[in-house]
Amino acid sequence: MSPQIVKLLQEGKVGVIPTDTIYGIVGSALDEKVVEKIYLLRKRNSDKPFIILISQLSDLEQCGIQLTQAQKDFLTKHWPNPLSVALPVTSEKFRYLHRGKKSLAFRMPKNEELLELLKEVGPLVAPSVNIEGEKPAETIEEAKKYFGDMVDFYIDGGRIKSKVSTLVNLSKDGIPTILRIGGFKL
């Protein structure tokens, strides 16, 4: 991604980019105002936390996650991949992210360009590009129909039609429980 996109995200802007699975509407996960803006744009149920994209395991610490060795072993074996992993987050500091659920899902995307962006800007919330309950955008044209000039930038990655990530809950002993079957097989 261009230095301009890095700068926009660091300034608290929101945009649409291709992820490793589908188009995502992205913004800094560490900026509460940005996260709330994305909830409003998507008309998303405020009780449902977003998946957060990260570039490395140490990014989890920025969101209050302390991994057990078994969890680290599981994540090291399976990431990067279209695998989102729910982990407990008890800190009230991150309530704006976990929405009272005391759990957040993270994904380390299998996409080099996106990983590089994440290394520069830090963790990003990245829900699908759509209004809650509608079909996710597969093209930038569809994304613009949803959000027009309400987002700060669009990155065109062509048509993206892929499965959502597989979502698992990961226990302290490193045992995954499948919550949603997607494009990754465990």
C-alpha atoms as a PDB file:
ATOM      1  CA  MET A   1       0.000   0.000   0.000  1.00  0.00           C
ATOM      2  CA  SER A   2       1.192   3.489  -0.678  1.00  0.00           C
ATOM      3  CA  PRO A   3       2.757   5.789   1.918  1.00  0.00           C
ATOM      4  CA  GLN A   4      -0.338   7.982   1.463  1.00  0.00           C
ATOM      5  CA  ILE A   5      -2.613   5.143   2.680  1.00  0.00           C
ATOM      6  CA  VAL A   6      -0.309   4.555   5.664  1.00  0.00           C
ATOM      7  CA  LYS A   7      -0.498   8.272   6.512  1.00  0.00           C
ATOM      8  CA  LEU A   8      -4.312   8.359   6.200  1.00  0.00           C
ATOM      9  CA  LEU A   9      -4.731   5.357   8.511  1.00  0.00           C
ATOM     10  CA  GLN A  10      -2.255   6.816  11.023  1.00  0.00           C
ATOM     11  CA  GLU A  11      -4.334  10.032  10.987  1.00  0.00           C
ATOM     12  CA  GLY A  12      -7.484   8.130  11.961  1.00  0.00           C
ATOM     13  CA  LYS A  13      -9.041   7.895   8.511  1.00  0.00           C
ATOM     14  CA  VAL A  14     -11.247   5.023   7.312  1.00  0.00           C
ATOM     15  CA  GLY A  15     -11.019   3.271   3.952  1.00  0.00           C
ATOM     16  CA  VAL A  16     -11.926   0.247   1.866  1.00  0.00           C
ATOM     17  CA  ILE A  17      -9.151  -2.179   0.936  1.00  0.00           C
ATOM     18  CA  PRO A  18      -8.849  -5.731  -0.338  1.00  0.00           C
ATOM     19  CA  THR A  19      -7.968  -8.128   2.484  1.00  0.00           C
ATOM     20  CA  ASP A  20      -6.896 -11.753   2.256  1.00  0.00           C
ATOM     21  CA  THR A  21     -10.543 -12.851   2.109  1.00  0.00           C
ATOM     22  CA  ILE A  22     -12.901 -10.046   0.988  1.00  0.00           C
ATOM     23  CA  TYR A  23     -12.991  -6.251   0.853  1.00  0.00           C
ATOM     24  CA  GLY A  24     -12.762  -4.740   4.317  1.00  0.00           C
ATOM     25  CA  ILE A  25     -13.665  -1.321   5.660  1.00  0.00           C
ATOM     26  CA  VAL A  26     -10.589  -0.583   7.762  1.00  0.00           C
ATOM     27  CA  GLY A  27      -9.406   1.790  10.448  1.00  0.00           C
ATOM     28  CA  SER A  28      -7.158   1.744  13.480  1.00  0.00           C
ATOM     29  CA  ALA A  29      -8.296  -0.747  16.116  1.00  0.00           C
ATOM     30  CA  LEU A  30      -6.517   1.360  18.739  1.00  0.00           C
ATOM     31  CA  ASP A  31      -8.574   4.510  18.023  1.00  0.00           C
ATOM     32  CA  GLU A  32     -12.005   4.375  19.657  1.00  0.00           C
ATOM     33  CA  LYS A  33     -13.421   7.192  17.458  1.00  0.00           C
ATOM     34  CA  VAL A  34     -12.406   5.309  14.297  1.00  0.00           C
ATOM     35  CA  VAL A  35     -14.003   2.080  15.539  1.00  0.00           C
ATOM     36  CA  GLU A  36     -17.257   3.903  16.385  1.00  0.00           C
ATOM     37  CA  LYS A  37     -17.293   5.574  12.941  1.00  0.00           C
ATOM     38  CA  ILE A  38     -17.102   2.151  11.266  1.00  0.00           C
ATOM     39  CA  TYR A  39     -19.983   0.861  13.443  1.00  0.00           C
ATOM     40  CA  LEU A  40     -22.079   3.826  12.321  1.00  0.00           C
ATOM     41  CA  LEU A  41     -21.142   3.469   8.642  1.00  0.00           C
ATOM     42  CA  ARG A  42     -22.013  -0.230   8.578  1.00  0.00           C
ATOM     43  CA  LYS A  43     -25.126   0.225  10.759  1.00  0.00           C
ATOM     44  CA  ARG A  44     -23.709  -2.737  12.671  1.00  0.00           C
ATOM     45  CA  ASN A  45     -25.265  -4.159  15.802  1.00  0.00           C
ATOM     46  CA  SER A  46     -23.218  -2.438  18.516  1.00  0.00           C
ATOM     47  CA  ASP A  47     -22.991  -5.692  20.512  1.00  0.00           C
ATOM     48  CA  LYS A  48     -20.969  -7.490  17.806  1.00  0.00           C
ATOM     49  CA  PRO A  49     -17.190  -7.006  17.926  1.00  0.00           C
ATOM     50  CA  PHE A  50     -15.162  -6.625  14.720  1.00  0.00           C
ATOM     51  CA  ILE A  51     -12.378  -8.961  13.638  1.00  0.00           C
ATOM     52  CA  ILE A  52      -8.993  -7.274  14.032  1.00  0.00           C
ATOM     53  CA  LEU A  53      -6.160  -7.755  11.544  1.00  0.00           C
ATOM     54  CA  ILE A  54      -2.630  -7.999  12.941  1.00  0.00           C
ATOM     55  CA  SER A  55       0.837  -8.474  11.439  1.00  0.00           C
ATOM     56  CA  GLN A  56       2.571 -10.413  14.226  1.00  0.00           C
ATOM     57  CA  LEU A  57       1.794 -12.139  17.511  1.00  0.00           C
ATOM     58  CA  SER A  58       3.215  -9.236  19.533  1.00  0.00           C
ATOM     59  CA  ASP A  59       0.375  -7.032  18.155  1.00  0.00           C
ATOM     60  CA  LEU A  60      -1.980  -8.973  20.424  1.00  0.00           C
ATOM     61  CA  GLU A  61      -0.325  -7.378  23.463  1.00  0.00           C
ATOM     62  CA  GLN A  62      -1.457  -3.951  22.204  1.00  0.00           C
ATOM     63  CA  CYS A  63      -5.021  -5.205  22.668  1.00  0.00           C
ATOM     64  CA  GLY A  64      -4.452  -6.588  26.161  1.00  0.00           C
ATOM     65  CA  ILE A  65      -3.951 -10.245  25.162  1.00  0.00           C
ATOM     66  CA  GLN A  66      -1.522 -12.435  27.104  1.00  0.00           C
ATOM     67  CA  LEU A  67      -1.097 -15.761  25.299  1.00  0.00           C
ATOM     68  CA  THR A  68      -0.365 -19.083  26.937  1.00  0.00           C
ATOM     69  CA  GLN A  69       2.410 -21.172  25.381  1.00  0.00           C
ATOM     70  CA  ALA A  70      -0.202 -23.565  23.946  1.00  0.00           C
ATOM     71  CA  GLN A  71      -2.019 -20.640  22.274  1.00  0.00           C
ATOM     72  CA  LYS A  72       1.279 -19.299  20.874  1.00  0.00           C
ATOM     73  CA  ASP A  73       2.102 -22.738  19.484  1.00  0.00           C
ATOM     74  CA  PHE A  74      -1.310 -23.022  17.775  1.00  0.00           C
ATOM     75  CA  LEU A  75      -1.121 -19.516  16.278  1.00  0.00           C
ATOM     76  CA  THR A  76       2.474 -19.925  15.107  1.00  0.00           C
ATOM     77  CA  LYS A  77       1.482 -23.153  13.337  1.00  0.00           C
ATOM     78  CA  HIS A  78      -1.670 -21.780  11.639  1.00  0.00           C
ATOM     79  CA  TRP A  79      -1.009 -18.082  10.916  1.00  0.00           C
ATOM     80  CA  PRO A  80      -0.914 -16.311   8.527  1.00  0.00           C
ATOM     81  CA  ASN A  81      -4.072 -17.793   6.988  1.00  0.00           C
ATOM     82  CA  PRO A  82      -7.789 -16.988   6.564  1.00  0.00           C
ATOM     83  CA  LEU A  83      -8.261 -18.106  10.161  1.00  0.00           C
ATOM     84  CA  SER A  84      -9.766 -15.726  12.720  1.00  0.00           C
ATOM     85  CA  VAL A  85      -9.139 -16.634  16.337  1.00  0.00           C
ATOM     86  CA  ALA A  86     -11.239 -15.435  19.287  1.00  0.00           C
ATOM     87  CA  LEU A  87      -9.255 -14.777  22.452  1.00  0.00           C
ATOM     88  CA  PRO A  88     -10.327 -13.454  25.873  1.00  0.00           C
ATOM     89  CA  VAL A  89      -9.891  -9.717  26.533  1.00  0.00           C
ATOM     90  CA  THR A  90     -10.910  -8.698  30.020  1.00  0.00           C
ATOM     91  CA  SER A  91      -9.576  -5.134  30.124  1.00  0.00           C
ATOM     92  CA  GLU A  92     -12.229  -2.412  30.300  1.00  0.00           C
ATOM     93  CA  LYS A  93      -9.785  -0.248  28.307  1.00  0.00           C
ATOM     94  CA  PHE A  94     -10.783  -2.311  25.243  1.00  0.00           C
ATOM     95  CA  ARG A  95     -14.530  -2.388  25.916  1.00  0.00           C
ATOM     96  CA  TYR A  96     -15.057  -0.239  22.793  1.00  0.00           C
ATOM     97  CA  LEU A  97     -13.612  -3.204  20.842  1.00  0.00           C
ATOM     98  CA  HIS A  98     -15.026  -6.222  22.721  1.00  0.00           C
ATOM     99  CA  ARG A  99     -18.439  -4.555  23.305  1.00  0.00           C
ATOM    100  CA  GLY A 100     -18.821  -6.257  26.677  1.00  0.00           C
ATOM    101  CA  LYS A 101     -18.190  -9.736  25.227  1.00  0.00           C
ATOM    102  CA  LYS A 102     -14.708  -9.836  26.819  1.00  0.00           C
ATOM    103  CA  SER A 103     -13.430 -11.619  23.731  1.00  0.00           C
ATOM    104  CA  LEU A 104     -11.983 -10.443  20.411  1.00  0.00           C
ATOM    105  CA  ALA A 105     -11.236 -12.228  17.155  1.00  0.00           C
ATOM    106  CA  PHE A 106      -7.920 -11.630  15.420  1.00  0.00           C
ATOM    107  CA  ARG A 107      -6.522 -12.675  12.046  1.00  0.00           C
ATOM    108  CA  MET A 108      -3.047 -12.533  10.608  1.00  0.00           C
ATOM    109  CA  PRO A 109      -3.811 -12.280   6.875  1.00  0.00           C
ATOM    110  CA  LYS A 110      -2.008 -14.381   4.290  1.00  0.00           C
ATOM    111  CA  ASN A 111      -1.263 -11.397   2.063  1.00  0.00           C
ATOM    112  CA  GLU A 112       2.224  -9.844   2.027  1.00  0.00           C
ATOM    113  CA  GLU A 113       1.115  -6.339   1.023  1.00  0.00           C
ATOM    114  CA  LEU A 114      -1.507  -6.263   3.755  1.00  0.00           C
ATOM    115  CA  LEU A 115       0.958  -7.620   6.346  1.00  0.00           C
ATOM    116  CA  GLU A 116       3.398  -4.831   5.426  1.00  0.00           C
ATOM    117  CA  LEU A 117       0.640  -2.231   5.859  1.00  0.00           C
ATOM    118  CA  LEU A 118      -0.254  -3.696   9.268  1.00  0.00           C
ATOM    119  CA  LYS A 119       3.406  -3.568  10.340  1.00  0.00           C
ATOM    120  CA  GLU A 120       3.397   0.161   9.581  1.00  0.00           C
ATOM    121  CA  VAL A 121       0.004   1.177  10.995  1.00  0.00           C
ATOM    122  CA  GLY A 122      -0.710  -1.421  13.692  1.00  0.00           C
ATOM    123  CA  PRO A 123      -3.868  -3.484  14.233  1.00  0.00           C
ATOM    124  CA  LEU A 124      -6.860  -2.620  12.036  1.00  0.00           C
ATOM    125  CA  VAL A 125     -10.538  -3.420  12.445  1.00  0.00           C
ATOM    126  CA  ALA A 126     -11.620  -4.847   9.105  1.00  0.00           C
ATOM    127  CA  PRO A 127     -15.275  -5.870   8.859  1.00  0.00           C
ATOM    128  CA  SER A 128     -16.708  -6.733   5.455  1.00  0.00           C
ATOM    129  CA  VAL A 129     -17.794  -3.874   3.198  1.00  0.00           C
ATOM    130  CA  ASN A 130     -21.561  -3.808   3.535  1.00  0.00           C
ATOM    131  CA  ILE A 131     -24.416  -2.555   5.626  1.00  0.00           C
ATOM    132  CA  GLU A 132     -25.343  -5.052   8.376  1.00  0.00           C
ATOM    133  CA  GLY A 133     -27.344  -7.894   6.827  1.00  0.00           C
ATOM    134  CA  GLU A 134     -26.534  -6.970   3.204  1.00  0.00           C
ATOM    135  CA  LYS A 135     -24.278  -8.823   0.754  1.00  0.00           C
ATOM    136  CA  PRO A 136     -20.551  -7.959   1.120  1.00  0.00           C
ATOM    137  CA  ALA A 137     -19.097  -5.878  -1.726  1.00  0.00           C
ATOM    138  CA  GLU A 138     -17.104  -7.893  -4.264  1.00  0.00           C
ATOM    139  CA  THR A 139     -15.920  -4.826  -6.228  1.00  0.00           C
ATOM    140  CA  ILE A 140     -14.980  -1.226  -5.496  1.00  0.00           C
ATOM    141  CA  GLU A 141     -18.082  -0.128  -7.435  1.00  0.00           C
ATOM    142  CA  GLU A 142     -20.280  -2.122  -5.031  1.00  0.00           C
ATOM    143  CA  ALA A 143     -18.333  -0.702  -2.063  1.00  0.00           C
ATOM    144  CA  LYS A 144     -18.932   2.853  -3.317  1.00  0.00           C
ATOM    145  CA  LYS A 145     -22.671   2.135  -3.570  1.00  0.00           C
ATOM    146  CA  TYR A 146     -22.626   1.353   0.155  1.00  0.00           C
ATOM    147  CA  PHE A 147     -20.357   4.136   1.391  1.00  0.00           C
ATOM    148  CA  GLY A 148     -19.785   6.710  -1.384  1.00  0.00           C
ATOM    149  CA  ASP A 149     -17.800   9.629   0.005  1.00  0.00           C
ATOM    150  CA  MET A 150     -18.409   8.609   3.642  1.00  0.00           C
ATOM    151  CA  VAL A 151     -15.024   6.825   3.675  1.00  0.00           C
ATOM    152  CA  ASP A 152     -11.691   8.533   3.050  1.00  0.00           C
ATOM    153  CA  PHE A 153     -10.189   6.220   0.425  1.00  0.00           C
ATOM    154  CA  TYR A 154     -10.728   3.124  -1.706  1.00  0.00           C
ATOM    155  CA  ILE A 155      -8.098   0.646  -2.924  1.00  0.00           C
ATOM    156  CA  ASP A 156      -9.249  -1.348  -5.946  1.00  0.00           C
ATOM    157  CA  GLY A 157      -8.206  -4.996  -5.873  1.00  0.00           C
ATOM    158  CA  GLY A 158     -10.502  -6.090  -8.711  1.00  0.00           C
ATOM    159  CA  ARG A 159     -13.349  -8.518  -8.079  1.00  0.00           C
ATOM    160  CA  ILE A 160     -12.898 -10.409  -4.818  1.00  0.00           C
ATOM    161  CA  LYS A 161     -15.168 -13.353  -4.309  1.00  0.00           C
ATOM    162  CA  SER A 162     -13.781 -15.600  -1.671  1.00  0.00           C
ATOM    163  CA  LYS A 163     -14.943 -17.312   1.458  1.00  0.00           C
ATOM    164  CA  VAL A 164     -14.916 -15.521   4.787  1.00  0.00           C
ATOM    165  CA  SER A 165     -12.312 -16.615   7.280  1.00  0.00           C
ATOM    166  CA  THR A 166     -12.846 -19.653   9.458  1.00  0.00           C
ATOM    167  CA  LEU A 167     -13.528 -18.471  13.012  1.00  0.00           C
ATOM    168  CA  VAL A 168     -12.451 -20.429  16.075  1.00  0.00           C
ATOM    169  CA  ASN A 169     -12.417 -19.839  19.792  1.00  0.00           C
ATOM    170  CA  LEU A 170      -8.992 -20.749  21.198  1.00  0.00           C
ATOM    171  CA  SER A 171      -8.848 -22.079  24.747  1.00  0.00           C
ATOM    172  CA  LYS A 172      -5.889 -21.475  27.063  1.00  0.00           C
ATOM    173  CA  ASP A 173      -4.738 -25.032  26.364  1.00  0.00           C
ATOM    174  CA  GLY A 174      -4.546 -24.264  22.617  1.00  0.00           C
ATOM    175  CA  ILE A 175      -7.634 -26.280  21.647  1.00  0.00           C
ATOM    176  CA  PRO A 176      -9.747 -24.580  18.932  1.00  0.00           C
ATOM    177  CA  THR A 177     -13.551 -24.718  18.855  1.00  0.00           C
ATOM    178  CA  ILE A 178     -14.988 -23.877  15.430  1.00  0.00           C
ATOM    179  CA  LEU A 179     -17.513 -21.017  15.554  1.00  0.00           C
ATOM    180  CA  ARG A 180     -17.810 -20.434  11.766  1.00  0.00           C
ATOM    181  CA  ILE A 181     -16.576 -22.543   8.878  1.00  0.00           C
ATOM    182  CA  GLY A 182     -14.927 -20.476   6.182  1.00  0.00           C
ATOM    183  CA  GLY A 183     -12.070 -20.674   3.718  1.00  0.00           C
ATOM    184  CA  PHE A 184      -9.539 -22.367   6.016  1.00  0.00           C
ATOM    185  CA  LYS A 185      -9.644 -26.017   7.054  1.00  0.00           C
ATOM    186  CA  LEU A 186      -8.058 -26.981  10.380  1.00  0.00           C
END
